[in-house]
Amino acid sequence: MRIGELSHQSGVSRRALRYYEEQGLLVPQRGCNGYREYAEDAALIVSQIKGLYLSGLNSEAIRRYLPCARGQTPQLEMCAELRADLLERAAALDDDARTAARQRDILLGHLS
């Protein structure tokens, strides 16, 4: 399928799809006319990429973990390494949330 069709199927802009390609996350073939040709499972891969970005991973981490991700988000099956990285990220977000709550309480205390 071509980029326009993939964009329509996945709900991701053509620009984002080209960015995924630049980052090595999505690799289309090139037809003899030079147009990008995506495999039939490209929409699933794009869904996985979106889910991994939304979880806070950067392009480098997604490139490393994408081959072990299976299924559609949010029920993404993953290898142990990806699972551990996401659990670590979740713990860091919990720490950030606690810090933000403390700072908010202090700020509101100044306003009392």
Protein backbone atom coordinates (compact mmCIF):
# COMPACT_ATOMS: atom_id res chain seq x y z
CA MET A 1 0.00 0.00 0.00
CA ARG A 2 1.12 3.56 -0.57
CA ILE A 3 1.71 6.23 2.07
CA GLY A 4 -1.69 7.88 1.64
CA GLU A 5 -3.54 4.63 2.22
CA LEU A 6 -1.40 3.80 5.26
CA SER A 7 -1.99 7.29 6.63
CA HIS A 8 -5.74 6.81 6.22
CA GLN A 9 -5.75 3.30 7.75
CA SER A 10 -3.54 4.19 10.71
CA GLY A 11 -4.75 7.71 11.43
CA VAL A 12 -1.13 8.91 11.32
CA SER A 13 -0.10 11.79 9.08
CA ARG A 14 2.11 11.25 6.06
CA ARG A 15 4.67 13.49 7.71
CA ALA A 16 4.74 11.26 10.80
CA LEU A 17 5.09 8.15 8.62
CA ARG A 18 8.07 9.73 6.86
CA TYR A 19 9.53 10.59 10.29
CA TYR A 20 9.12 6.96 11.38
CA GLU A 21 11.00 5.99 8.23
CA GLU A 22 13.80 8.51 8.94
CA GLN A 23 14.11 7.05 12.44
CA GLY A 24 14.39 3.51 11.07
CA LEU A 25 11.12 2.42 12.67
CA LEU A 26 9.13 1.77 9.51
CA VAL A 27 10.89 0.55 6.39
CA PRO A 28 8.92 0.68 3.14
CA GLN A 29 10.04 -0.79 -0.12
CA ARG A 30 10.41 1.50 -3.11
CA GLY A 31 8.53 0.74 -6.30
CA CYS A 32 10.14 1.19 -9.70
CA ASN A 33 8.42 4.60 -9.78
CA GLY A 34 10.16 5.57 -6.52
CA TYR A 35 6.96 5.59 -4.46
CA ARG A 36 6.98 4.09 -0.99
CA GLU A 37 5.24 0.72 -0.84
CA TYR A 38 4.29 -0.52 2.62
CA ALA A 39 3.65 -4.13 3.61
CA GLU A 40 0.15 -5.24 4.55
CA ASP A 41 1.06 -5.34 8.26
CA ALA A 42 2.35 -1.74 8.24
CA ALA A 43 -0.78 -0.37 9.95
CA LEU A 44 -0.21 -2.77 12.86
CA ILE A 45 3.44 -1.70 13.10
CA VAL A 46 2.39 1.97 13.08
CA SER A 47 -0.07 1.22 15.90
CA GLN A 48 2.76 -0.36 17.90
CA ILE A 49 5.04 2.61 17.24
CA LYS A 50 2.34 5.07 18.36
CA GLY A 51 1.72 3.09 21.53
CA LEU A 52 5.40 2.93 22.39
CA TYR A 53 5.81 6.68 21.80
CA LEU A 54 2.79 7.36 24.01
CA SER A 55 4.38 5.27 26.75
CA GLY A 56 7.30 7.71 26.76
CA LEU A 57 9.92 5.78 24.83
CA ASN A 58 12.14 7.63 22.37
CA SER A 59 12.92 6.57 18.80
CA GLU A 60 16.11 4.78 19.78
CA ALA A 61 14.34 2.64 22.38
CA ILE A 62 11.44 1.94 20.04
CA ARG A 63 13.85 0.86 17.29
CA ARG A 64 15.49 -1.51 19.76
CA TYR A 65 12.26 -2.97 21.15
CA LEU A 66 9.91 -2.92 18.15
CA PRO A 67 11.05 -6.32 16.86
CA CYS A 68 9.94 -7.96 20.13
CA ALA A 69 6.56 -6.19 20.31
CA ARG A 70 3.60 -8.24 19.12
CA GLY A 71 -0.11 -7.51 18.95
CA GLN A 72 -1.96 -4.24 19.06
CA THR A 73 -1.72 -1.61 21.74
CA PRO A 74 -2.89 -1.41 24.48
CA GLN A 75 -2.67 -5.22 24.68
CA LEU A 76 0.87 -5.20 23.31
CA GLU A 77 2.77 -8.39 24.04
CA MET A 78 6.43 -7.70 24.68
CA CYS A 79 9.74 -9.29 25.47
CA ALA A 80 11.10 -9.22 29.03
CA GLU A 81 13.55 -6.41 28.27
CA LEU A 82 10.81 -4.09 26.96
CA ARG A 83 8.54 -4.98 29.89
CA ALA A 84 11.34 -4.13 32.36
CA ASP A 85 12.03 -0.81 30.61
CA LEU A 86 8.35 0.16 30.70
CA LEU A 87 8.05 -0.80 34.38
CA GLU A 88 11.11 1.35 35.12
CA ARG A 89 9.55 4.23 33.19
CA ALA A 90 6.29 3.80 35.14
CA ALA A 91 8.19 3.96 38.43
CA ALA A 92 9.96 7.14 37.31
CA LEU A 93 6.60 8.69 36.37
CA ASP A 94 5.26 7.78 39.83
CA ASP A 95 8.24 9.56 41.40
CA ASP A 96 7.66 12.60 39.18
CA ALA A 97 3.97 12.66 40.14
CA ARG A 98 4.80 12.57 43.86
CA THR A 99 7.32 15.39 43.41
CA ALA A 100 4.79 17.46 41.46
CA ALA A 101 2.14 16.89 44.15
CA ARG A 102 4.55 18.04 46.89
CA GLN A 103 5.49 21.13 44.90
CA ARG A 104 1.81 21.90 44.29
CA ASP A 105 1.05 21.59 48.01
CA ILE A 106 3.93 23.95 48.87
CA LEU A 107 2.80 26.43 46.22
CA LEU A 108 -0.78 26.37 47.49
CA GLY A 109 0.55 26.77 51.03
CA HIS A 110 2.16 30.05 49.99
CA LEU A 111 -1.21 31.24 48.72
CA SER A 112 -3.06 30.48 51.98
